[in-house]
PDB file of all heavy atoms in Angstrom:
ATOM      1  N   ILE A   1       4.609  -4.985  12.638  1.00  0.00           N
ATOM      2  CA  ILE A   1       3.862  -4.028  11.810  1.00  0.00           C
ATOM      3  C   ILE A   1       2.691  -4.718  11.122  1.00  0.00           C
ATOM      4  O   ILE A   1       1.570  -4.199  11.091  1.00  0.00           O
ATOM      5  CB  ILE A   1       4.791  -3.363  10.776  1.00  0.00           C
ATOM      6  CG1 ILE A   1       5.765  -2.415  11.467  1.00  0.00           C
ATOM      7  CG2 ILE A   1       3.974  -2.607   9.727  1.00  0.00           C
ATOM      8  CD1 ILE A   1       6.771  -1.778  10.534  1.00  0.00           C
ATOM      9  N   ALA A   2       2.945  -5.897  10.552  1.00  0.00           N
ATOM     10  CA  ALA A   2       1.874  -6.622   9.863  1.00  0.00           C
ATOM     11  C   ALA A   2       0.753  -6.987  10.831  1.00  0.00           C
ATOM     12  O   ALA A   2      -0.440  -6.842  10.511  1.00  0.00           O
ATOM     13  CB  ALA A   2       2.445  -7.880   9.206  1.00  0.00           C
ATOM     14  N   ALA A   3       1.107  -7.448  12.036  1.00  0.00           N
ATOM     15  CA  ALA A   3       0.096  -7.816  13.029  1.00  0.00           C
ATOM     16  C   ALA A   3      -0.683  -6.588  13.490  1.00  0.00           C
ATOM     17  O   ALA A   3      -1.913  -6.632  13.673  1.00  0.00           O
ATOM     18  CB  ALA A   3       0.759  -8.500  14.219  1.00  0.00           C
ATOM     19  N   LEU A   4       0.027  -5.459  13.670  1.00  0.00           N
ATOM     20  CA  LEU A   4      -0.620  -4.222  14.107  1.00  0.00           C
ATOM     21  C   LEU A   4      -1.600  -3.719  13.052  1.00  0.00           C
ATOM     22  O   LEU A   4      -2.715  -3.285  13.370  1.00  0.00           O
ATOM     23  CB  LEU A   4       0.452  -3.172  14.387  1.00  0.00           C
ATOM     24  CG  LEU A   4      -0.039  -1.815  14.893  1.00  0.00           C
ATOM     25  CD1 LEU A   4      -0.701  -1.965  16.255  1.00  0.00           C
ATOM     26  CD2 LEU A   4       1.135  -0.835  14.979  1.00  0.00           C
ATOM     27  N   GLN A   5      -1.201  -3.791  11.782  1.00  0.00           N
ATOM     28  CA  GLN A   5      -2.092  -3.338  10.707  1.00  0.00           C
ATOM     29  C   GLN A   5      -3.363  -4.171  10.665  1.00  0.00           C
ATOM     30  O   GLN A   5      -4.459  -3.645  10.471  1.00  0.00           O
ATOM     31  CB  GLN A   5      -1.356  -3.392   9.362  1.00  0.00           C
ATOM     32  CG  GLN A   5      -2.082  -2.691   8.233  1.00  0.00           C
ATOM     33  CD  GLN A   5      -3.106  -3.568   7.529  1.00  0.00           C
ATOM     34  OE1 GLN A   5      -3.020  -4.797   7.598  1.00  0.00           O
ATOM     35  NE2 GLN A   5      -4.064  -2.953   6.852  1.00  0.00           N
ATOM     36  N   ARG A   6      -3.226  -5.474  10.846  1.00  0.00           N
ATOM     37  CA  ARG A   6      -4.420  -6.333  10.843  1.00  0.00           C
ATOM     38  C   ARG A   6      -5.335  -5.986  12.015  1.00  0.00           C
ATOM     39  O   ARG A   6      -6.558  -6.017  11.899  1.00  0.00           O
ATOM     40  CB  ARG A   6      -4.017  -7.805  10.894  1.00  0.00           C
ATOM     41  CG  ARG A   6      -3.332  -8.289   9.624  1.00  0.00           C
ATOM     42  CD  ARG A   6      -3.106  -9.795   9.621  1.00  0.00           C
ATOM     43  NE  ARG A   6      -2.222 -10.178   8.532  1.00  0.00           N
ATOM     44  CZ  ARG A   6      -0.912 -10.375   8.653  1.00  0.00           C
ATOM     45  NH1 ARG A   6      -0.345 -10.248   9.839  1.00  0.00           N
ATOM     46  NH2 ARG A   6      -0.174 -10.710   7.611  1.00  0.00           N
ATOM     47  N   ARG A   7      -4.730  -5.674  13.144  1.00  0.00           N
ATOM     48  CA  ARG A   7      -5.517  -5.332  14.330  1.00  0.00           C
ATOM     49  C   ARG A   7      -6.260  -4.015  14.141  1.00  0.00           C
ATOM     50  O   ARG A   7      -7.430  -3.896  14.504  1.00  0.00           O
ATOM     51  CB  ARG A   7      -4.581  -5.253  15.544  1.00  0.00           C
ATOM     52  CG  ARG A   7      -5.287  -4.944  16.846  1.00  0.00           C
ATOM     53  CD  ARG A   7      -4.318  -5.080  18.009  1.00  0.00           C
ATOM     54  NE  ARG A   7      -4.940  -4.699  19.264  1.00  0.00           N
ATOM     55  CZ  ARG A   7      -4.321  -4.731  20.436  1.00  0.00           C
ATOM     56  NH1 ARG A   7      -3.070  -5.169  20.511  1.00  0.00           N
ATOM     57  NH2 ARG A   7      -4.937  -4.350  21.538  1.00  0.00           N
ATOM     58  N   LEU A   8      -5.582  -3.016  13.568  1.00  0.00           N
ATOM     59  CA  LEU A   8      -6.194  -1.704  13.372  1.00  0.00           C
ATOM     60  C   LEU A   8      -7.116  -1.671  12.162  1.00  0.00           C
ATOM     61  O   LEU A   8      -8.079  -0.902  12.120  1.00  0.00           O
ATOM     62  CB  LEU A   8      -5.105  -0.643  13.214  1.00  0.00           C
ATOM     63  CG  LEU A   8      -4.190  -0.414  14.420  1.00  0.00           C
ATOM     64  CD1 LEU A   8      -3.061   0.536  14.052  1.00  0.00           C
ATOM     65  CD2 LEU A   8      -4.974   0.121  15.601  1.00  0.00           C
ATOM     66  N   GLY A   9      -6.791  -2.474  11.131  1.00  0.00           N
ATOM     67  CA  GLY A   9      -7.612  -2.511   9.916  1.00  0.00           C
ATOM     68  C   GLY A   9      -7.513  -1.263   9.069  1.00  0.00           C
ATOM     69  O   GLY A   9      -8.410  -0.977   8.266  1.00  0.00           O
ATOM     70  N   THR A  10      -6.423  -0.497   9.226  1.00  0.00           N
ATOM     71  CA  THR A  10      -6.255   0.745   8.463  1.00  0.00           C
ATOM     72  C   THR A  10      -5.604   0.449   7.113  1.00  0.00           C
ATOM     73  O   THR A  10      -4.618  -0.286   7.038  1.00  0.00           O
ATOM     74  CB  THR A  10      -5.375   1.738   9.252  1.00  0.00           C
ATOM     75  OG1 THR A  10      -5.923   1.922  10.553  1.00  0.00           O
ATOM     76  CG2 THR A  10      -5.291   3.075   8.532  1.00  0.00           C
ATOM     77  N   THR A  11      -6.141   1.021   6.066  1.00  0.00           N
ATOM     78  CA  THR A  11      -5.554   0.894   4.734  1.00  0.00           C
ATOM     79  C   THR A  11      -4.102   1.355   4.779  1.00  0.00           C
ATOM     80  O   THR A  11      -3.805   2.437   5.290  1.00  0.00           O
ATOM     81  CB  THR A  11      -6.333   1.751   3.717  1.00  0.00           C
ATOM     82  OG1 THR A  11      -7.718   1.415   3.796  1.00  0.00           O
ATOM     83  CG2 THR A  11      -5.831   1.533   2.301  1.00  0.00           C
ATOM     84  N   THR A  12      -3.199   0.528   4.271  1.00  0.00           N
ATOM     85  CA  THR A  12      -1.771   0.818   4.379  1.00  0.00           C
ATOM     86  C   THR A  12      -1.075   0.611   3.041  1.00  0.00           C
ATOM     87  O   THR A  12      -1.278  -0.412   2.382  1.00  0.00           O
ATOM     88  CB  THR A  12      -1.111  -0.091   5.441  1.00  0.00           C
ATOM     89  OG1 THR A  12      -1.745   0.125   6.706  1.00  0.00           O
ATOM     90  CG2 THR A  12       0.382   0.192   5.563  1.00  0.00           C
ATOM     91  N   VAL A  13      -0.271   1.594   2.641  1.00  0.00           N
ATOM     92  CA  VAL A  13       0.586   1.474   1.462  1.00  0.00           C
ATOM     93  C   VAL A  13       2.027   1.549   1.960  1.00  0.00           C
ATOM     94  O   VAL A  13       2.426   2.539   2.584  1.00  0.00           O
ATOM     95  CB  VAL A  13       0.308   2.578   0.424  1.00  0.00           C
ATOM     96  CG1 VAL A  13       1.190   2.378  -0.805  1.00  0.00           C
ATOM     97  CG2 VAL A  13      -1.170   2.574   0.018  1.00  0.00           C
ATOM     98  N   TYR A  14       2.789   0.510   1.677  1.00  0.00           N
ATOM     99  CA  TYR A  14       4.118   0.313   2.268  1.00  0.00           C
ATOM    100  C   TYR A  14       5.134   0.178   1.147  1.00  0.00           C
ATOM    101  O   TYR A  14       4.951  -0.640   0.236  1.00  0.00           O
ATOM    102  CB  TYR A  14       4.074  -0.960   3.110  1.00  0.00           C
ATOM    103  CG  TYR A  14       5.310  -1.302   3.906  1.00  0.00           C
ATOM    104  CD1 TYR A  14       5.341  -1.102   5.286  1.00  0.00           C
ATOM    105  CD2 TYR A  14       6.430  -1.869   3.307  1.00  0.00           C
ATOM    106  CE1 TYR A  14       6.465  -1.443   6.041  1.00  0.00           C
ATOM    107  CE2 TYR A  14       7.558  -2.207   4.049  1.00  0.00           C
ATOM    108  CZ  TYR A  14       7.566  -1.989   5.419  1.00  0.00           C
ATOM    109  OH  TYR A  14       8.671  -2.330   6.154  1.00  0.00           O
ATOM    110  N   VAL A  15       6.191   0.966   1.198  1.00  0.00           N
ATOM    111  CA  VAL A  15       7.242   0.937   0.163  1.00  0.00           C
ATOM    112  C   VAL A  15       8.476   0.229   0.700  1.00  0.00           C
ATOM    113  O   VAL A  15       8.919   0.497   1.825  1.00  0.00           O
ATOM    114  CB  VAL A  15       7.606   2.375  -0.272  1.00  0.00           C
ATOM    115  CG1 VAL A  15       8.953   2.398  -0.984  1.00  0.00           C
ATOM    116  CG2 VAL A  15       6.541   2.933  -1.193  1.00  0.00           C
ATOM    117  N   THR A  16       9.039  -0.676  -0.093  1.00  0.00           N
ATOM    118  CA  THR A  16      10.297  -1.325   0.255  1.00  0.00           C
ATOM    119  C   THR A  16      11.015  -1.758  -1.011  1.00  0.00           C
ATOM    120  O   THR A  16      10.380  -1.968  -2.048  1.00  0.00           O
ATOM    121  CB  THR A  16      10.057  -2.548   1.169  1.00  0.00           C
ATOM    122  OG1 THR A  16      11.319  -3.139   1.510  1.00  0.00           O
ATOM    123  CG2 THR A  16       9.200  -3.603   0.483  1.00  0.00           C
ATOM    124  N   HIS A  17      12.343  -1.883  -0.916  1.00  0.00           N
ATOM    125  CA  HIS A  17      13.106  -2.479  -2.016  1.00  0.00           C
ATOM    126  C   HIS A  17      13.393  -3.944  -1.703  1.00  0.00           C
ATOM    127  O   HIS A  17      13.950  -4.659  -2.535  1.00  0.00           O
ATOM    128  CB  HIS A  17      14.428  -1.726  -2.224  1.00  0.00           C
ATOM    129  CG  HIS A  17      15.368  -1.866  -1.066  1.00  0.00           C
ATOM    130  ND1 HIS A  17      15.290  -1.058   0.053  1.00  0.00           N
ATOM    131  CD2 HIS A  17      16.379  -2.741  -0.824  1.00  0.00           C
ATOM    132  CE1 HIS A  17      16.214  -1.428   0.910  1.00  0.00           C
ATOM    133  NE2 HIS A  17      16.897  -2.447   0.416  1.00  0.00           N
ATOM    134  N   ASP A  18      13.022  -4.383  -0.497  1.00  0.00           N
ATOM    135  CA  ASP A  18      13.322  -5.731  -0.022  1.00  0.00           C
ATOM    136  C   ASP A  18      12.160  -6.656  -0.361  1.00  0.00           C
ATOM    137  O   ASP A  18      11.087  -6.571   0.241  1.00  0.00           O
ATOM    138  CB  ASP A  18      13.545  -5.686   1.492  1.00  0.00           C
ATOM    139  CG  ASP A  18      13.984  -7.020   2.080  1.00  0.00           C
ATOM    140  OD1 ASP A  18      13.639  -8.062   1.487  1.00  0.00           O
ATOM    141  OD2 ASP A  18      14.643  -7.027   3.125  1.00  0.00           O
ATOM    142  N   GLN A  19      12.371  -7.563  -1.331  1.00  0.00           N
ATOM    143  CA  GLN A  19      11.256  -8.402  -1.760  1.00  0.00           C
ATOM    144  C   GLN A  19      10.839  -9.409  -0.695  1.00  0.00           C
ATOM    145  O   GLN A  19       9.706  -9.868  -0.687  1.00  0.00           O
ATOM    146  CB  GLN A  19      11.581  -9.090  -3.090  1.00  0.00           C
ATOM    147  CG  GLN A  19      12.894  -9.829  -3.119  1.00  0.00           C
ATOM    148  CD  GLN A  19      12.707 -11.313  -3.217  1.00  0.00           C
ATOM    149  OE1 GLN A  19      11.618 -11.818  -3.092  1.00  0.00           O
ATOM    150  NE2 GLN A  19      13.782 -12.012  -3.442  1.00  0.00           N
ATOM    151  N   VAL A  20      11.728  -9.743   0.252  1.00  0.00           N
ATOM    152  CA  VAL A  20      11.326 -10.622   1.354  1.00  0.00           C
ATOM    153  C   VAL A  20      10.307  -9.909   2.244  1.00  0.00           C
ATOM    154  O   VAL A  20       9.298 -10.487   2.648  1.00  0.00           O
ATOM    155  CB  VAL A  20      12.552 -11.079   2.178  1.00  0.00           C
ATOM    156  CG1 VAL A  20      12.113 -11.902   3.386  1.00  0.00           C
ATOM    157  CG2 VAL A  20      13.508 -11.881   1.300  1.00  0.00           C
ATOM    158  N   GLU A  21      10.560  -8.624   2.536  1.00  0.00           N
ATOM    159  CA  GLU A  21       9.575  -7.815   3.266  1.00  0.00           C
ATOM    160  C   GLU A  21       8.252  -7.797   2.525  1.00  0.00           C
ATOM    161  O   GLU A  21       7.181  -7.979   3.107  1.00  0.00           O
ATOM    162  CB  GLU A  21      10.077  -6.372   3.419  1.00  0.00           C
ATOM    163  CG  GLU A  21      10.810  -6.092   4.706  1.00  0.00           C
ATOM    164  CD  GLU A  21      11.217  -4.624   4.807  1.00  0.00           C
ATOM    165  OE1 GLU A  21      10.426  -3.729   4.449  1.00  0.00           O
ATOM    166  OE2 GLU A  21      12.353  -4.378   5.236  1.00  0.00           O
ATOM    167  N   ALA A  22       8.314  -7.556   1.239  1.00  0.00           N
ATOM    168  CA  ALA A  22       7.098  -7.464   0.433  1.00  0.00           C
ATOM    169  C   ALA A  22       6.295  -8.754   0.494  1.00  0.00           C
ATOM    170  O   ALA A  22       5.072  -8.741   0.697  1.00  0.00           O
ATOM    171  CB  ALA A  22       7.446  -7.130  -1.013  1.00  0.00           C
ATOM    172  N   MET A  23       6.978  -9.888   0.341  1.00  0.00           N
ATOM    173  CA  MET A  23       6.285 -11.170   0.269  1.00  0.00           C
ATOM    174  C   MET A  23       5.719 -11.600   1.620  1.00  0.00           C
ATOM    175  O   MET A  23       4.722 -12.321   1.680  1.00  0.00           O
ATOM    176  CB  MET A  23       7.243 -12.241  -0.255  1.00  0.00           C
ATOM    177  CG  MET A  23       7.740 -11.992  -1.669  1.00  0.00           C
ATOM    178  SD  MET A  23       6.465 -12.175  -2.914  1.00  0.00           S
ATOM    179  CE  MET A  23       6.395 -13.959  -3.063  1.00  0.00           C
ATOM    180  N   THR A  24       6.344 -11.185   2.715  1.00  0.00           N
ATOM    181  CA  THR A  24       5.888 -11.633   4.033  1.00  0.00           C
ATOM    182  C   THR A  24       4.865 -10.702   4.662  1.00  0.00           C
ATOM    183  O   THR A  24       4.134 -11.119   5.560  1.00  0.00           O
ATOM    184  CB  THR A  24       7.080 -11.771   5.003  1.00  0.00           C
ATOM    185  OG1 THR A  24       7.799 -10.539   5.053  1.00  0.00           O
ATOM    186  CG2 THR A  24       8.019 -12.878   4.558  1.00  0.00           C
ATOM    187  N   MET A  25       4.769  -9.448   4.187  1.00  0.00           N
ATOM    188  CA  MET A  25       3.905  -8.477   4.860  1.00  0.00           C
ATOM    189  C   MET A  25       2.615  -8.165   4.105  1.00  0.00           C
ATOM    190  O   MET A  25       1.576  -7.947   4.716  1.00  0.00           O
ATOM    191  CB  MET A  25       4.672  -7.167   5.082  1.00  0.00           C
ATOM    192  CG  MET A  25       5.854  -7.303   6.021  1.00  0.00           C
ATOM    193  SD  MET A  25       6.762  -5.759   6.244  1.00  0.00           S
ATOM    194  CE  MET A  25       5.643  -4.853   7.301  1.00  0.00           C
ATOM    195  N   GLY A  26       2.667  -8.121   2.782  1.00  0.00           N
ATOM    196  CA  GLY A  26       1.555  -7.566   2.024  1.00  0.00           C
ATOM    197  C   GLY A  26       0.410  -8.534   1.780  1.00  0.00           C
ATOM    198  O   GLY A  26       0.624  -9.723   1.556  1.00  0.00           O
ATOM    199  N   ASP A  27      -0.823  -7.993   1.802  1.00  0.00           N
ATOM    200  CA  ASP A  27      -1.973  -8.746   1.285  1.00  0.00           C
ATOM    201  C   ASP A  27      -1.808  -8.910  -0.225  1.00  0.00           C
ATOM    202  O   ASP A  27      -2.068  -9.971  -0.779  1.00  0.00           O
ATOM    203  CB  ASP A  27      -3.289  -8.006   1.578  1.00  0.00           C
ATOM    204  CG  ASP A  27      -3.557  -7.886   3.067  1.00  0.00           C
ATOM    205  OD1 ASP A  27      -3.290  -8.859   3.807  1.00  0.00           O
ATOM    206  OD2 ASP A  27      -4.027  -6.810   3.491  1.00  0.00           O
ATOM    207  N   ARG A  28      -1.375  -7.815  -0.860  1.00  0.00           N
ATOM    208  CA  ARG A  28      -0.995  -7.854  -2.276  1.00  0.00           C
ATOM    209  C   ARG A  28       0.306  -7.077  -2.435  1.00  0.00           C
ATOM    210  O   ARG A  28       0.638  -6.218  -1.616  1.00  0.00           O
ATOM    211  CB  ARG A  28      -2.074  -7.242  -3.171  1.00  0.00           C
ATOM    212  CG  ARG A  28      -3.324  -8.088  -3.346  1.00  0.00           C
ATOM    213  CD  ARG A  28      -4.226  -7.495  -4.429  1.00  0.00           C
ATOM    214  NE  ARG A  28      -4.561  -6.104  -4.139  1.00  0.00           N
ATOM    215  CZ  ARG A  28      -4.884  -5.212  -5.065  1.00  0.00           C
ATOM    216  NH1 ARG A  28      -4.894  -5.540  -6.350  1.00  0.00           N
ATOM    217  NH2 ARG A  28      -5.188  -3.964  -4.717  1.00  0.00           N
ATOM    218  N   VAL A  29       1.010  -7.381  -3.518  1.00  0.00           N
ATOM    219  CA  VAL A  29       2.280  -6.726  -3.816  1.00  0.00           C
ATOM    220  C   VAL A  29       2.203  -6.140  -5.215  1.00  0.00           C
ATOM    221  O   VAL A  29       1.771  -6.809  -6.162  1.00  0.00           O
ATOM    222  CB  VAL A  29       3.451  -7.730  -3.729  1.00  0.00           C
ATOM    223  CG1 VAL A  29       4.767  -7.047  -4.077  1.00  0.00           C
ATOM    224  CG2 VAL A  29       3.526  -8.357  -2.342  1.00  0.00           C
ATOM    225  N   ALA A  30       2.620  -4.877  -5.350  1.00  0.00           N
ATOM    226  CA  ALA A  30       2.682  -4.211  -6.654  1.00  0.00           C
ATOM    227  C   ALA A  30       4.147  -4.053  -7.033  1.00  0.00           C
ATOM    228  O   ALA A  30       4.914  -3.429  -6.293  1.00  0.00           O
ATOM    229  CB  ALA A  30       1.993  -2.852  -6.598  1.00  0.00           C
ATOM    230  N   VAL A  31       4.547  -4.621  -8.161  1.00  0.00           N
ATOM    231  CA  VAL A  31       5.940  -4.592  -8.611  1.00  0.00           C
ATOM    232  C   VAL A  31       6.093  -3.511  -9.671  1.00  0.00           C
ATOM    233  O   VAL A  31       5.355  -3.502 -10.665  1.00  0.00           O
ATOM    234  CB  VAL A  31       6.364  -5.958  -9.179  1.00  0.00           C
ATOM    235  CG1 VAL A  31       7.845  -5.934  -9.562  1.00  0.00           C
ATOM    236  CG2 VAL A  31       6.099  -7.077  -8.177  1.00  0.00           C
TER     237      VAL A  31
END
């Protein structure tokens, strides 16, 4: 998903409760 988003360049807002997902995927993280 992270690689696909970079390829498409589409603005993405992603919700998760998993902080490992948050830290590995996001350009920025909102807590």
